[in-house]
Amino acid sequence: MKALLLLPLVGTLVPVVYDRRGPEFFGVPFFYWYQLAWVPVTIALIVIVYRATRDDPQ
């Protein structure tokens, strides 16, 4: 379950995926809105992992 936290890391550390201008979203180049889209996705993943693992002993 904790492996889900690697998705935002990989998604933002591989610039080949998002290193382009188009498609634009309300005039914002893809490069910027792709990175900003990861913010709510990352928050959701953190909540999912936290709720699934909060009772696990470390």
PDB file of N, CA and C in Angstrom:
ATOM      1  N   MET A   1       0.826  -1.196   0.000  1.00  0.00           N
ATOM      2  CA  MET A   1       0.000   0.000   0.000  1.00  0.00           C
ATOM      3  C   MET A   1       0.867   1.254   0.000  1.00  0.00           C
ATOM      4  N   LYS A   2       1.974   1.218   0.737  1.00  0.00           N
ATOM      5  CA  LYS A   2       2.837   2.396   0.790  1.00  0.00           C
ATOM      6  C   LYS A   2       3.508   2.683  -0.550  1.00  0.00           C
ATOM      7  N   ALA A   3       3.496   1.705  -1.428  1.00  0.00           N
ATOM      8  CA  ALA A   3       4.085   1.901  -2.756  1.00  0.00           C
ATOM      9  C   ALA A   3       3.297   2.928  -3.572  1.00  0.00           C
ATOM     10  N   LEU A   4       2.054   3.182  -3.193  1.00  0.00           N
ATOM     11  CA  LEU A   4       1.266   4.208  -3.888  1.00  0.00           C
ATOM     12  C   LEU A   4       1.927   5.577  -3.787  1.00  0.00           C
ATOM     13  N   LEU A   5       2.691   5.795  -2.729  1.00  0.00           N
ATOM     14  CA  LEU A   5       3.349   7.086  -2.552  1.00  0.00           C
ATOM     15  C   LEU A   5       4.484   7.303  -3.554  1.00  0.00           C
ATOM     16  N   LEU A   6       4.868   6.264  -4.261  1.00  0.00           N
ATOM     17  CA  LEU A   6       5.893   6.405  -5.293  1.00  0.00           C
ATOM     18  C   LEU A   6       5.334   6.989  -6.591  1.00  0.00           C
ATOM     19  N   LEU A   7       4.027   6.886  -6.787  1.00  0.00           N
ATOM     20  CA  LEU A   7       3.422   7.402  -8.023  1.00  0.00           C
ATOM     21  C   LEU A   7       3.680   8.892  -8.236  1.00  0.00           C
ATOM     22  N   PRO A   8       3.415   9.764  -7.255  1.00  0.00           N
ATOM     23  CA  PRO A   8       3.698  11.181  -7.474  1.00  0.00           C
ATOM     24  C   PRO A   8       5.191  11.453  -7.663  1.00  0.00           C
ATOM     25  N   LEU A   9       6.003  10.690  -6.974  1.00  0.00           N
ATOM     26  CA  LEU A   9       7.447  10.867  -7.109  1.00  0.00           C
ATOM     27  C   LEU A   9       7.897  10.575  -8.533  1.00  0.00           C
ATOM     28  N   VAL A  10       7.485   9.449  -9.041  1.00  0.00           N
ATOM     29  CA  VAL A  10       7.853   9.066 -10.409  1.00  0.00           C
ATOM     30  C   VAL A  10       7.195   9.990 -11.422  1.00  0.00           C
ATOM     31  N   GLY A  11       5.935  10.345 -11.176  1.00  0.00           N
ATOM     32  CA  GLY A  11       5.203  11.202 -12.111  1.00  0.00           C
ATOM     33  C   GLY A  11       5.779  12.594 -12.265  1.00  0.00           C
ATOM     34  N   THR A  12       6.450  13.078 -11.226  1.00  0.00           N
ATOM     35  CA  THR A  12       7.015  14.426 -11.312  1.00  0.00           C
ATOM     36  C   THR A  12       8.518  14.436 -11.537  1.00  0.00           C
ATOM     37  N   LEU A  13       9.178  13.317 -11.345  1.00  0.00           N
ATOM     38  CA  LEU A  13      10.625  13.278 -11.536  1.00  0.00           C
ATOM     39  C   LEU A  13      11.052  12.759 -12.903  1.00  0.00           C
ATOM     40  N   VAL A  14      10.096  12.499 -13.773  1.00  0.00           N
ATOM     41  CA  VAL A  14      10.403  12.058 -15.131  1.00  0.00           C
ATOM     42  C   VAL A  14       9.940  13.155 -16.087  1.00  0.00           C
ATOM     43  N   PRO A  15      10.767  14.177 -16.314  1.00  0.00           N
ATOM     44  CA  PRO A  15      10.336  15.325 -17.116  1.00  0.00           C
ATOM     45  C   PRO A  15      10.052  15.003 -18.581  1.00  0.00           C
ATOM     46  N   VAL A  16      10.508  13.872 -19.067  1.00  0.00           N
ATOM     47  CA  VAL A  16      10.220  13.506 -20.453  1.00  0.00           C
ATOM     48  C   VAL A  16       8.714  13.399 -20.668  1.00  0.00           C
ATOM     49  N   VAL A  17       7.979  13.052 -19.613  1.00  0.00           N
ATOM     50  CA  VAL A  17       6.531  12.887 -19.703  1.00  0.00           C
ATOM     51  C   VAL A  17       5.835  14.230 -19.907  1.00  0.00           C
ATOM     52  N   TYR A  18       6.297  15.273 -19.242  1.00  0.00           N
ATOM     53  CA  TYR A  18       5.565  16.543 -19.244  1.00  0.00           C
ATOM     54  C   TYR A  18       6.359  17.727 -19.794  1.00  0.00           C
ATOM     55  N   ASP A  19       7.453  17.481 -20.451  1.00  0.00           N
ATOM     56  CA  ASP A  19       8.287  18.555 -20.981  1.00  0.00           C
ATOM     57  C   ASP A  19       7.810  18.973 -22.374  1.00  0.00           C
ATOM     58  N   ARG A  20       6.642  19.629 -22.396  1.00  0.00           N
ATOM     59  CA  ARG A  20       6.091  20.155 -23.661  1.00  0.00           C
ATOM     60  C   ARG A  20       5.090  21.252 -23.355  1.00  0.00           C
ATOM     61  N   ARG A  21       4.702  21.993 -24.348  1.00  0.00           N
ATOM     62  CA  ARG A  21       3.768  23.114 -24.160  1.00  0.00           C
ATOM     63  C   ARG A  21       2.310  22.683 -24.241  1.00  0.00           C
ATOM     64  N   GLY A  22       1.994  21.819 -25.159  1.00  0.00           N
ATOM     65  CA  GLY A  22       0.590  21.489 -25.379  1.00  0.00           C
ATOM     66  C   GLY A  22       0.251  20.123 -24.837  1.00  0.00           C
ATOM     67  N   PRO A  23      -0.970  19.855 -24.560  1.00  0.00           N
ATOM     68  CA  PRO A  23      -2.140  20.706 -24.709  1.00  0.00           C
ATOM     69  C   PRO A  23      -2.261  21.709 -23.570  1.00  0.00           C
ATOM     70  N   GLU A  24      -2.818  22.857 -23.897  1.00  0.00           N
ATOM     71  CA  GLU A  24      -3.003  23.887 -22.885  1.00  0.00           C
ATOM     72  C   GLU A  24      -4.347  23.703 -22.191  1.00  0.00           C
ATOM     73  N   PHE A  25      -4.427  24.131 -20.946  1.00  0.00           N
ATOM     74  CA  PHE A  25      -5.646  24.052 -20.148  1.00  0.00           C
ATOM     75  C   PHE A  25      -5.947  25.452 -19.647  1.00  0.00           C
ATOM     76  N   PHE A  26      -6.959  26.101 -20.223  1.00  0.00           N
ATOM     77  CA  PHE A  26      -7.290  27.496 -19.935  1.00  0.00           C
ATOM     78  C   PHE A  26      -6.082  28.413 -20.137  1.00  0.00           C
ATOM     79  N   GLY A  27      -5.319  28.154 -21.174  1.00  0.00           N
ATOM     80  CA  GLY A  27      -4.176  28.981 -21.501  1.00  0.00           C
ATOM     81  C   GLY A  27      -2.906  28.642 -20.738  1.00  0.00           C
ATOM     82  N   VAL A  28      -2.967  27.674 -19.827  1.00  0.00           N
ATOM     83  CA  VAL A  28      -1.795  27.284 -19.036  1.00  0.00           C
ATOM     84  C   VAL A  28      -1.116  26.125 -19.757  1.00  0.00           C
ATOM     85  N   PRO A  29       0.180  26.246 -20.054  1.00  0.00           N
ATOM     86  CA  PRO A  29       0.882  25.164 -20.752  1.00  0.00           C
ATOM     87  C   PRO A  29       0.851  23.855 -19.958  1.00  0.00           C
ATOM     88  N   PHE A  30       0.910  22.747 -20.670  1.00  0.00           N
ATOM     89  CA  PHE A  30       0.858  21.419 -20.086  1.00  0.00           C
ATOM     90  C   PHE A  30       1.902  21.240 -18.996  1.00  0.00           C
ATOM     91  N   PHE A  31       3.097  21.775 -19.206  1.00  0.00           N
ATOM     92  CA  PHE A  31       4.193  21.636 -18.248  1.00  0.00           C
ATOM     93  C   PHE A  31       3.766  22.064 -16.852  1.00  0.00           C
ATOM     94  N   TYR A  32       3.022  23.155 -16.761  1.00  0.00           N
ATOM     95  CA  TYR A  32       2.620  23.678 -15.450  1.00  0.00           C
ATOM     96  C   TYR A  32       1.397  22.973 -14.886  1.00  0.00           C
ATOM     97  N   TRP A  33       0.345  22.789 -15.700  1.00  0.00           N
ATOM     98  CA  TRP A  33      -0.856  22.203 -15.122  1.00  0.00           C
ATOM     99  C   TRP A  33      -0.688  20.731 -14.808  1.00  0.00           C
ATOM    100  N   TYR A  34       0.215  20.043 -15.493  1.00  0.00           N
ATOM    101  CA  TYR A  34       0.501  18.640 -15.168  1.00  0.00           C
ATOM    102  C   TYR A  34       1.084  18.540 -13.764  1.00  0.00           C
ATOM    103  N   GLN A  35       2.047  19.414 -13.467  1.00  0.00           N
ATOM    104  CA  GLN A  35       2.661  19.385 -12.140  1.00  0.00           C
ATOM    105  C   GLN A  35       1.665  19.794 -11.062  1.00  0.00           C
ATOM    106  N   LEU A  36       0.849  20.797 -11.329  1.00  0.00           N
ATOM    107  CA  LEU A  36      -0.150  21.229 -10.353  1.00  0.00           C
ATOM    108  C   LEU A  36      -1.252  20.187 -10.165  1.00  0.00           C
ATOM    109  N   ALA A  37      -1.532  19.401 -11.173  1.00  0.00           N
ATOM    110  CA  ALA A  37      -2.543  18.357 -11.053  1.00  0.00           C
ATOM    111  C   ALA A  37      -2.107  17.264 -10.081  1.00  0.00           C
ATOM    112  N   TRP A  38      -0.805  17.124  -9.903  1.00  0.00           N
ATOM    113  CA  TRP A  38      -0.307  16.116  -8.966  1.00  0.00           C
ATOM    114  C   TRP A  38      -0.577  16.485  -7.510  1.00  0.00           C
ATOM    115  N   VAL A  39      -0.831  17.742  -7.216  1.00  0.00           N
ATOM    116  CA  VAL A  39      -1.059  18.159  -5.824  1.00  0.00           C
ATOM    117  C   VAL A  39      -2.303  17.474  -5.245  1.00  0.00           C
ATOM    118  N   PRO A  40      -3.490  17.602  -5.859  1.00  0.00           N
ATOM    119  CA  PRO A  40      -4.647  16.899  -5.283  1.00  0.00           C
ATOM    120  C   PRO A  40      -4.534  15.380  -5.373  1.00  0.00           C
ATOM    121  N   VAL A  41      -3.886  14.885  -6.425  1.00  0.00           N
ATOM    122  CA  VAL A  41      -3.696  13.434  -6.553  1.00  0.00           C
ATOM    123  C   VAL A  41      -2.822  12.929  -5.404  1.00  0.00           C
ATOM    124  N   THR A  42      -1.755  13.657  -5.114  1.00  0.00           N
ATOM    125  CA  THR A  42      -0.864  13.271  -4.022  1.00  0.00           C
ATOM    126  C   THR A  42      -1.575  13.329  -2.677  1.00  0.00           C
ATOM    127  N   ILE A  43      -2.379  14.358  -2.462  1.00  0.00           N
ATOM    128  CA  ILE A  43      -3.138  14.462  -1.211  1.00  0.00           C
ATOM    129  C   ILE A  43      -4.072  13.260  -1.072  1.00  0.00           C
ATOM    130  N   ALA A  44      -4.768  12.911  -2.139  1.00  0.00           N
ATOM    131  CA  ALA A  44      -5.678  11.764  -2.094  1.00  0.00           C
ATOM    132  C   ALA A  44      -4.923  10.472  -1.805  1.00  0.00           C
ATOM    133  N   LEU A  45      -3.769  10.290  -2.421  1.00  0.00           N
ATOM    134  CA  LEU A  45      -2.979   9.084  -2.179  1.00  0.00           C
ATOM    135  C   LEU A  45      -2.469   9.019  -0.745  1.00  0.00           C
ATOM    136  N   ILE A  46      -2.056  10.151  -0.210  1.00  0.00           N
ATOM    137  CA  ILE A  46      -1.588  10.181   1.180  1.00  0.00           C
ATOM    138  C   ILE A  46      -2.719   9.813   2.131  1.00  0.00           C
ATOM    139  N   VAL A  47      -3.912  10.329   1.877  1.00  0.00           N
ATOM    140  CA  VAL A  47      -5.071  10.003   2.722  1.00  0.00           C
ATOM    141  C   VAL A  47      -5.384   8.507   2.633  1.00  0.00           C
ATOM    142  N   ILE A  48      -5.357   7.958   1.439  1.00  0.00           N
ATOM    143  CA  ILE A  48      -5.633   6.527   1.259  1.00  0.00           C
ATOM    144  C   ILE A  48      -4.607   5.679   2.005  1.00  0.00           C
ATOM    145  N   VAL A  49      -3.340   5.995   1.834  1.00  0.00           N
ATOM    146  CA  VAL A  49      -2.287   5.218   2.501  1.00  0.00           C
ATOM    147  C   VAL A  49      -2.364   5.396   4.008  1.00  0.00           C
ATOM    148  N   TYR A  50      -2.624   6.585   4.471  1.00  0.00           N
ATOM    149  CA  TYR A  50      -2.723   6.834   5.912  1.00  0.00           C
ATOM    150  C   TYR A  50      -3.861   6.023   6.525  1.00  0.00           C
ATOM    151  N   ARG A  51      -5.020   6.073   5.902  1.00  0.00           N
ATOM    152  CA  ARG A  51      -6.175   5.341   6.451  1.00  0.00           C
ATOM    153  C   ARG A  51      -5.977   3.837   6.397  1.00  0.00           C
ATOM    154  N   ALA A  52      -5.264   3.361   5.396  1.00  0.00           N
ATOM    155  CA  ALA A  52      -5.026   1.919   5.277  1.00  0.00           C
ATOM    156  C   ALA A  52      -3.958   1.422   6.225  1.00  0.00           C
ATOM    157  N   THR A  53      -3.052   2.307   6.647  1.00  0.00           N
ATOM    158  CA  THR A  53      -1.913   1.842   7.447  1.00  0.00           C
ATOM    159  C   THR A  53      -1.855   2.455   8.839  1.00  0.00           C
ATOM    160  N   ARG A  54      -2.819   3.220   9.274  1.00  0.00           N
ATOM    161  CA  ARG A  54      -2.707   3.903  10.556  1.00  0.00           C
ATOM    162  C   ARG A  54      -2.734   2.963  11.759  1.00  0.00           C
ATOM    163  N   ASP A  55      -3.288   1.773  11.599  1.00  0.00           N
ATOM    164  CA  ASP A  55      -3.317   0.821  12.700  1.00  0.00           C
ATOM    165  C   ASP A  55      -2.176  -0.197  12.646  1.00  0.00           C
ATOM    166  N   ASP A  56      -1.365  -0.122  11.595  1.00  0.00           N
ATOM    167  CA  ASP A  56      -0.239  -1.050  11.464  1.00  0.00           C
ATOM    168  C   ASP A  56       0.885  -0.681  12.431  1.00  0.00           C
ATOM    169  N   PRO A  57       1.456  -1.675  13.114  1.00  0.00           N
ATOM    170  CA  PRO A  57       2.646  -1.365  13.916  1.00  0.00           C
ATOM    171  C   PRO A  57       3.834  -1.131  13.001  1.00  0.00           C
ATOM    172  N   GLN A  58       4.713  -0.292  13.402  1.00  0.00           N
ATOM    173  CA  GLN A  58       5.863   0.030  12.541  1.00  0.00           C
ATOM    174  C   GLN A  58       6.931  -0.916  12.812  1.00  0.00           C
TER     175      GLN A  58
END
